[in-house]
Protein backbone atom coordinates (compact mmCIF):
# COMPACT_ATOMS: atom_id res chain seq x y z
CA MET A 1 10.69 -9.71 17.94
CA SER A 2 11.42 -7.32 14.85
CA VAL A 3 14.97 -6.66 14.30
CA TYR A 4 15.83 -3.06 12.63
CA THR A 5 18.93 -1.38 11.60
CA VAL A 6 19.65 2.05 12.70
CA HIS A 7 21.14 4.70 10.06
CA ALA A 8 22.55 8.38 10.67
CA PRO A 9 22.37 10.93 7.79
CA PRO A 10 25.77 11.76 6.20
CA ALA A 11 27.91 14.33 8.70
CA GLY A 12 27.66 17.40 6.59
CA ALA A 13 23.49 16.93 6.68
CA ALA A 14 23.03 17.57 10.64
CA GLY A 15 24.67 14.19 11.06
CA SER A 16 24.05 13.33 14.81
CA ASP A 17 20.71 14.83 14.58
CA PRO A 18 18.84 12.10 16.72
CA GLU A 19 14.96 12.94 14.74
CA ARG A 20 16.67 12.40 11.64
CA PHE A 21 17.73 8.91 12.14
CA VAL A 22 16.06 6.33 10.01
CA PHE A 23 15.40 2.74 11.39
CA VAL A 24 15.04 0.15 8.68
CA ARG A 25 12.77 -3.47 9.61
CA ASP A 26 14.28 -6.70 8.80
CA GLY A 27 12.29 -8.92 7.16
CA PHE A 28 9.09 -9.51 4.55
CA HIS A 29 7.05 -6.22 3.90
CA PHE A 30 3.49 -7.04 2.69
CA TRP A 31 3.05 -4.02 1.07
CA ALA A 32 6.52 -4.05 -0.85
CA PHE A 33 5.20 -7.71 -2.21
CA VAL A 34 1.83 -6.74 -2.82
CA PHE A 35 2.66 -2.85 -4.42
CA GLY A 36 6.26 -3.37 -5.26
CA PRO A 37 6.61 -0.53 -7.67
CA VAL A 38 4.27 2.00 -5.64
CA TRP A 39 6.40 0.92 -2.80
CA LEU A 40 9.52 1.53 -4.32
CA LEU A 41 8.54 5.19 -5.30
CA VAL A 42 6.76 5.95 -1.87
CA LYS A 43 9.65 5.13 0.11
CA GLY A 44 12.00 7.03 -2.62
CA LEU A 45 14.10 4.55 -3.53
CA TRP A 46 14.42 5.65 -7.30
CA LEU A 47 17.39 3.81 -8.37
CA SER A 48 15.82 0.68 -7.20
CA LEU A 49 12.29 1.58 -8.71
CA VAL A 50 14.53 1.84 -12.19
CA ILE A 51 16.34 -1.61 -11.85
CA TYR A 52 12.80 -2.77 -11.55
CA ILE A 53 11.30 -1.22 -13.87
CA VAL A 54 14.18 -3.02 -16.69
CA ALA A 55 13.77 -6.40 -14.64
CA ALA A 56 10.13 -6.47 -15.56
CA ALA A 57 10.41 -5.07 -19.00
CA ALA A 58 13.26 -7.23 -20.05
CA LEU A 59 11.12 -10.27 -18.38
CA HIS A 60 7.97 -9.25 -20.13
CA ILE A 61 9.89 -8.83 -23.62
CA ALA A 62 12.10 -12.66 -22.88
CA MET A 63 8.64 -14.28 -22.07
CA TRP A 64 6.83 -12.79 -24.78
CA LEU A 65 9.60 -14.01 -27.48
CA LEU A 66 9.97 -17.40 -26.11
CA ALA A 67 5.91 -17.67 -26.22
CA VAL A 68 6.23 -19.01 -22.33
CA PRO A 69 2.66 -19.71 -21.05
CA VAL A 70 0.72 -17.40 -19.09
CA ALA A 71 0.74 -19.56 -15.90
CA THR A 72 4.49 -19.54 -16.09
CA TYR A 73 4.58 -15.80 -17.05
CA ALA A 74 2.52 -14.90 -13.78
CA ALA A 75 4.61 -17.16 -11.87
CA LEU A 76 7.98 -15.67 -12.63
CA VAL A 77 5.95 -12.14 -12.04
CA LEU A 78 4.94 -13.43 -8.42
CA LEU A 79 8.53 -14.84 -7.81
CA MET A 80 9.66 -11.24 -8.19
CA HIS A 81 7.21 -9.48 -6.27
CA LEU A 82 7.87 -12.16 -4.02
CA LEU A 83 11.53 -11.50 -4.21
CA VAL A 84 11.18 -7.19 -4.02
CA GLY A 85 9.01 -8.12 -0.63
CA LEU A 86 12.01 -10.74 0.53
CA GLU A 87 14.55 -8.30 0.21
CA ALA A 88 12.97 -4.80 0.79
CA GLY A 89 14.66 -3.97 3.95
CA THR A 90 18.04 -4.61 2.01
CA ILE A 91 17.07 -2.61 -0.96
CA GLN A 92 16.60 0.51 1.37
CA ARG A 93 19.60 -0.57 3.09
CA TRP A 94 21.72 -0.47 0.09
CA THR A 95 19.94 2.67 -0.82
CA LEU A 96 21.13 4.73 2.12
CA ARG A 97 24.59 3.19 2.33
CA LEU A 98 24.38 4.87 -1.41
CA ARG A 99 23.79 8.01 -0.25
CA SER A 100 26.39 8.04 2.82
CA TRP A 101 24.00 7.05 5.45
CA THR A 102 26.29 5.38 8.52
CA ALA A 103 24.75 2.14 10.06
CA LEU A 104 24.82 2.79 13.77
CA GLY A 105 23.42 -0.38 15.04
CA VAL A 106 20.87 -3.17 15.25
CA VAL A 107 18.11 -3.08 17.78
CA THR A 108 15.09 -5.05 18.45
CA GLY A 109 11.91 -4.58 19.49
CA ILE A 110 8.17 -5.68 19.37
CA ASN A 111 7.17 -3.03 16.85
CA HIS A 112 9.04 0.14 15.39
CA GLU A 113 8.36 2.56 18.47
CA ALA A 114 9.40 -0.17 20.66
CA ALA A 115 12.81 -0.24 19.21
CA GLU A 116 13.13 3.15 19.02
CA ARG A 117 12.63 3.55 22.24
CA ARG A 118 15.28 0.69 23.11
CA PHE A 119 17.65 2.50 20.99
CA TYR A 120 17.41 6.18 22.14
CA ASP A 121 17.48 4.94 26.15
CA ARG A 122 20.56 3.26 24.83
CA TRP A 123 21.91 6.34 23.38
CA VAL A 124 21.21 8.22 26.38
CA ALA A 125 23.06 6.51 28.12
CA ARG A 126 25.80 5.84 26.51
CA SER A 127 25.60 9.71 26.16
CA ALA A 128 25.50 10.15 29.99
CA ARG A 129 28.90 8.01 30.59
CA GLY A 130 30.41 10.37 28.10
CA ALA A 131 31.29 8.15 25.64
CA THR A 132 30.41 9.57 22.11
CA PRO A 133 27.77 8.61 20.29
CA PRO A 134 27.80 6.52 17.45
CA ALA A 135 29.62 4.39 19.05
CA PRO A 136 28.44 0.80 18.14
CA SER A 137 29.45 -0.25 14.32
CA MET A 138 28.30 -2.67 12.14
CA SER A 139 31.81 -4.33 10.76
CA PRO A 140 32.90 -7.45 11.94
CA PRO A 141 36.19 -7.28 14.18
CA LYS A 142 39.48 -7.03 12.51
CA THR A 143 41.48 -9.76 14.41
CA PRO A 144 39.99 -13.12 14.99
CA PRO A 145 39.43 -13.77 18.65
CA ALA A 146 42.32 -15.75 20.27
CA PRO A 147 41.26 -19.29 20.89
CA PRO A 148 40.48 -21.01 23.95
CA PRO A 149 43.30 -22.24 26.13
CA MET A 150 43.53 -25.83 25.90
CA ARG A 151 43.07 -27.93 29.33
CA PRO A 152 45.72 -30.77 29.73
CA PRO A 153 44.12 -34.26 28.94
CA GLU A 154 42.49 -36.00 31.85
CA PRO A 155 44.44 -39.04 33.70
CA PRO A 156 43.65 -42.69 31.95
CA THR A 157 41.22 -44.66 34.55
CA ASP A 158 40.96 -47.98 34.34
CA ILE A 159 36.96 -48.13 34.40
CA VAL A 160 35.74 -49.08 31.12
CA GLY A 161 32.28 -49.36 29.41
CA LEU A 162 29.45 -46.53 29.98
CA PHE A 163 28.11 -47.33 33.71
CA PRO A 164 31.04 -48.46 35.18
CA GLN A 165 30.72 -49.80 38.87
CA PRO A 166 33.50 -48.23 41.51
CA GLN A 167 36.03 -50.75 43.09
CA SER A 168 37.84 -50.28 45.17
CA ARG A 169 41.76 -51.20 45.05
CA PRO A 170 43.53 -53.28 47.68
């Protein structure tokens, strides 16, 4: 099961048009790992691409100045690509938040199509009940829930041990 976050465009740009909603999968993105800069470019994540290029250039210059062996440099580049692959969904969500997109909620599905179907089924059902979509929010509740009520302590018994034998009293 994959987990997706759903994002709506800013209100001024046809905000509640469901066809423009974006579903961002959470988890490892293989193509972002293999082709990090190209993946960022294709997804339109310009600021993230600039940050990636600056970080890669700084890493290259630092490794050259420190005369680090090629194997160490290759391992660090691999780790940088692994970080991009692991955090690709977070990078997309961060960019959408910078562009004033609204996070509508979280949905799960076997694949992208199943997650969309599940989200829109709930969306339509909520609209039919008269609730105004987008009702769900990804922010935590403002007040903590009340603690459960305390039960009174049980009366003490004369039985001691793990497997006591009940005895009758005269």
